[in-house]
Amino acid sequence: QVRLVESGGGLVQAGGSLRLSCSASGSRSSFSNMGWYRQAPGKERELVATITRDFTNYADSVKGRFFVSRDSNKNMVFLQMNSLKPEDTAVYFCYAQGRFTNVEYWGQGTQVTVSS
């Protein structure tokens, strides 16, 4: 069974940076798509950034500030967040999609709080 575990969230001042990490464990599965979503209080979960072997995709609100990367050999995905804004405050969820099964997996979430 696949388990995604995030780390790296926390409290940061506006303009600061954080790096999120996510590790997939418990399976030898490989993943076609990995990335990050977020959910702010009272709002729906939204895409932040995803990455396949060849492509990256970003929400317009984070383009140029956030950068997603992955280590496919280790089944890990990362999110470098720069120039953070208070509106980036949310719970950030790691996401992975099985390469051959298309099954979607989610982490438990990590809180990111940006103070003004």
C-alpha atoms as a PDB file:
ATOM      1  CA  GLN A   1       0.000   0.000   0.000  1.00  0.00           C
ATOM      2  CA  VAL A   2       1.306   3.421  -0.958  1.00  0.00           C
ATOM      3  CA  ARG A   3       1.738   6.030   1.727  1.00  0.00           C
ATOM      4  CA  LEU A   4       2.699   9.637   1.023  1.00  0.00           C
ATOM      5  CA  VAL A   5       4.365  11.586   3.814  1.00  0.00           C
ATOM      6  CA  GLU A   6       4.941  15.328   3.603  1.00  0.00           C
ATOM      7  CA  SER A   7       7.410  17.423   5.556  1.00  0.00           C
ATOM      8  CA  GLY A   8       8.698  20.974   5.566  1.00  0.00           C
ATOM      9  CA  GLY A   9       5.635  23.031   6.384  1.00  0.00           C
ATOM     10  CA  GLY A  10       5.626  25.736   9.015  1.00  0.00           C
ATOM     11  CA  LEU A  11       5.269  29.416   9.782  1.00  0.00           C
ATOM     12  CA  VAL A  12       7.128  31.987   7.709  1.00  0.00           C
ATOM     13  CA  GLN A  13       6.921  35.726   7.181  1.00  0.00           C
ATOM     14  CA  ALA A  14       5.725  37.178   3.905  1.00  0.00           C
ATOM     15  CA  GLY A  15       8.547  37.217   1.378  1.00  0.00           C
ATOM     16  CA  GLY A  16      10.196  34.180   2.914  1.00  0.00           C
ATOM     17  CA  SER A  17      10.759  30.692   1.550  1.00  0.00           C
ATOM     18  CA  LEU A  18       9.882  27.131   2.452  1.00  0.00           C
ATOM     19  CA  ARG A  19      10.662  23.782   0.876  1.00  0.00           C
ATOM     20  CA  LEU A  20       8.182  20.951   1.065  1.00  0.00           C
ATOM     21  CA  SER A  21       9.171  17.340   0.595  1.00  0.00           C
ATOM     22  CA  CYS A  22       7.044  14.269   0.013  1.00  0.00           C
ATOM     23  CA  SER A  23       8.155  10.660   0.107  1.00  0.00           C
ATOM     24  CA  ALA A  24       6.137   7.718  -1.200  1.00  0.00           C
ATOM     25  CA  SER A  25       6.701   4.547   0.752  1.00  0.00           C
ATOM     26  CA  GLY A  26       5.248   1.097   1.090  1.00  0.00           C
ATOM     27  CA  SER A  27       5.268   0.118  -2.524  1.00  0.00           C
ATOM     28  CA  ARG A  28       7.512  -0.411  -5.486  1.00  0.00           C
ATOM     29  CA  SER A  29       5.051   1.467  -7.651  1.00  0.00           C
ATOM     30  CA  SER A  30       6.236   4.184  -9.945  1.00  0.00           C
ATOM     31  CA  PHE A  31       4.231   7.300 -10.548  1.00  0.00           C
ATOM     32  CA  SER A  32       3.393   9.094 -13.742  1.00  0.00           C
ATOM     33  CA  ASN A  33       2.272  12.336 -12.140  1.00  0.00           C
ATOM     34  CA  MET A  34       3.300  13.786  -8.793  1.00  0.00           C
ATOM     35  CA  GLY A  35       2.776  17.140  -7.255  1.00  0.00           C
ATOM     36  CA  TRP A  36       1.065  19.392  -4.778  1.00  0.00           C
ATOM     37  CA  TYR A  37      -2.386  20.696  -4.057  1.00  0.00           C
ATOM     38  CA  ARG A  38      -3.497  23.037  -1.299  1.00  0.00           C
ATOM     39  CA  GLN A  39      -6.632  23.864   0.624  1.00  0.00           C
ATOM     40  CA  ALA A  40      -7.202  27.107   2.489  1.00  0.00           C
ATOM     41  CA  PRO A  41      -9.875  27.445   5.192  1.00  0.00           C
ATOM     42  CA  GLY A  42     -13.319  27.663   3.653  1.00  0.00           C
ATOM     43  CA  LYS A  43     -12.018  26.962   0.158  1.00  0.00           C
ATOM     44  CA  GLU A  44     -11.834  23.951  -2.116  1.00  0.00           C
ATOM     45  CA  ARG A  45      -8.641  22.036  -2.701  1.00  0.00           C
ATOM     46  CA  GLU A  46      -6.729  23.487  -5.653  1.00  0.00           C
ATOM     47  CA  LEU A  47      -3.799  22.494  -7.795  1.00  0.00           C
ATOM     48  CA  VAL A  48      -0.483  24.131  -6.970  1.00  0.00           C
ATOM     49  CA  ALA A  49       1.997  22.296  -9.186  1.00  0.00           C
ATOM     50  CA  THR A  50       2.401  18.897 -10.790  1.00  0.00           C
ATOM     51  CA  ILE A  51       5.255  17.207 -12.594  1.00  0.00           C
ATOM     52  CA  THR A  52       5.527  14.279 -14.972  1.00  0.00           C
ATOM     53  CA  ARG A  53       8.672  12.928 -16.578  1.00  0.00           C
ATOM     54  CA  ASP A  54       8.524  15.639 -19.232  1.00  0.00           C
ATOM     55  CA  PHE A  55       6.221  18.405 -18.069  1.00  0.00           C
ATOM     56  CA  THR A  56       5.494  20.702 -15.174  1.00  0.00           C
ATOM     57  CA  ASN A  57       2.243  22.498 -14.554  1.00  0.00           C
ATOM     58  CA  TYR A  58       1.659  25.420 -12.205  1.00  0.00           C
ATOM     59  CA  ALA A  59      -1.292  27.369 -10.947  1.00  0.00           C
ATOM     60  CA  ASP A  60      -1.170  30.927 -12.271  1.00  0.00           C
ATOM     61  CA  SER A  61      -1.025  32.243  -8.721  1.00  0.00           C
ATOM     62  CA  VAL A  62       2.331  30.575  -8.020  1.00  0.00           C
ATOM     63  CA  LYS A  63       4.106  30.796 -11.387  1.00  0.00           C
ATOM     64  CA  GLY A  64       7.559  32.279 -11.026  1.00  0.00           C
ATOM     65  CA  ARG A  65       7.541  31.820  -7.243  1.00  0.00           C
ATOM     66  CA  PHE A  66       7.096  28.091  -6.702  1.00  0.00           C
ATOM     67  CA  PHE A  67       9.136  25.334  -8.314  1.00  0.00           C
ATOM     68  CA  VAL A  68       8.263  21.624  -8.327  1.00  0.00           C
ATOM     69  CA  SER A  69      10.841  18.874  -8.778  1.00  0.00           C
ATOM     70  CA  ARG A  70      11.033  15.137  -8.273  1.00  0.00           C
ATOM     71  CA  ASP A  71      13.443  12.313  -7.690  1.00  0.00           C
ATOM     72  CA  SER A  72      11.790   9.426  -9.486  1.00  0.00           C
ATOM     73  CA  ASN A  73      14.360   6.903  -8.281  1.00  0.00           C
ATOM     74  CA  LYS A  74      13.397   7.675  -4.696  1.00  0.00           C
ATOM     75  CA  ASN A  75       9.707   8.363  -5.393  1.00  0.00           C
ATOM     76  CA  MET A  76       9.989  11.817  -3.924  1.00  0.00           C
ATOM     77  CA  VAL A  77       8.550  15.166  -4.956  1.00  0.00           C
ATOM     78  CA  PHE A  78       9.520  18.616  -3.737  1.00  0.00           C
ATOM     79  CA  LEU A  79       8.045  22.102  -3.768  1.00  0.00           C
ATOM     80  CA  GLN A  80      10.319  25.106  -3.391  1.00  0.00           C
ATOM     81  CA  MET A  81       8.193  28.072  -2.391  1.00  0.00           C
ATOM     82  CA  ASN A  82       9.722  31.550  -2.652  1.00  0.00           C
ATOM     83  CA  SER A  83       8.336  35.040  -2.151  1.00  0.00           C
ATOM     84  CA  LEU A  84       5.559  33.623  -0.036  1.00  0.00           C
ATOM     85  CA  LYS A  85       2.402  35.655   0.442  1.00  0.00           C
ATOM     86  CA  PRO A  86      -0.268  35.499   3.165  1.00  0.00           C
ATOM     87  CA  GLU A  87      -2.671  34.122   0.568  1.00  0.00           C
ATOM     88  CA  ASP A  88      -0.418  31.070   0.208  1.00  0.00           C
ATOM     89  CA  THR A  89      -1.502  30.029   3.686  1.00  0.00           C
ATOM     90  CA  ALA A  90      -3.107  26.600   3.407  1.00  0.00           C
ATOM     91  CA  VAL A  91      -2.706  22.917   4.078  1.00  0.00           C
ATOM     92  CA  TYR A  92      -0.521  21.510   1.334  1.00  0.00           C
ATOM     93  CA  PHE A  93      -1.169  17.967   0.135  1.00  0.00           C
ATOM     94  CA  CYS A  94       1.203  15.721  -1.734  1.00  0.00           C
ATOM     95  CA  TYR A  95      -0.286  13.876  -4.713  1.00  0.00           C
ATOM     96  CA  ALA A  96       0.831  10.919  -6.794  1.00  0.00           C
ATOM     97  CA  GLN A  97      -0.772   8.915  -9.573  1.00  0.00           C
ATOM     98  CA  GLY A  98       0.219   5.330 -10.272  1.00  0.00           C
ATOM     99  CA  ARG A  99       1.963   4.947 -13.609  1.00  0.00           C
ATOM    100  CA  PHE A 100       0.179   1.735 -14.618  1.00  0.00           C
ATOM    101  CA  THR A 101      -2.896   1.813 -12.391  1.00  0.00           C
ATOM    102  CA  ASN A 102      -3.819   5.517 -12.522  1.00  0.00           C
ATOM    103  CA  VAL A 103      -4.739   5.181  -8.861  1.00  0.00           C
ATOM    104  CA  GLU A 104      -4.458   8.505  -7.052  1.00  0.00           C
ATOM    105  CA  TYR A 105      -2.768   8.826  -3.696  1.00  0.00           C
ATOM    106  CA  TRP A 106      -2.780  11.693  -1.207  1.00  0.00           C
ATOM    107  CA  GLY A 107      -0.667  12.648   1.765  1.00  0.00           C
ATOM    108  CA  GLN A 108      -2.112  13.746   5.075  1.00  0.00           C
ATOM    109  CA  GLY A 109      -1.193  17.385   4.472  1.00  0.00           C
ATOM    110  CA  THR A 110       1.233  19.844   5.977  1.00  0.00           C
ATOM    111  CA  GLN A 111       0.318  23.318   7.196  1.00  0.00           C
ATOM    112  CA  VAL A 112       1.954  26.358   5.644  1.00  0.00           C
ATOM    113  CA  THR A 113       1.224  29.684   7.326  1.00  0.00           C
ATOM    114  CA  VAL A 114       2.510  32.958   5.938  1.00  0.00           C
ATOM    115  CA  SER A 115       2.276  35.955   8.234  1.00  0.00           C
ATOM    116  CA  SER A 116       2.024  39.501   6.941  1.00  0.00           C
END
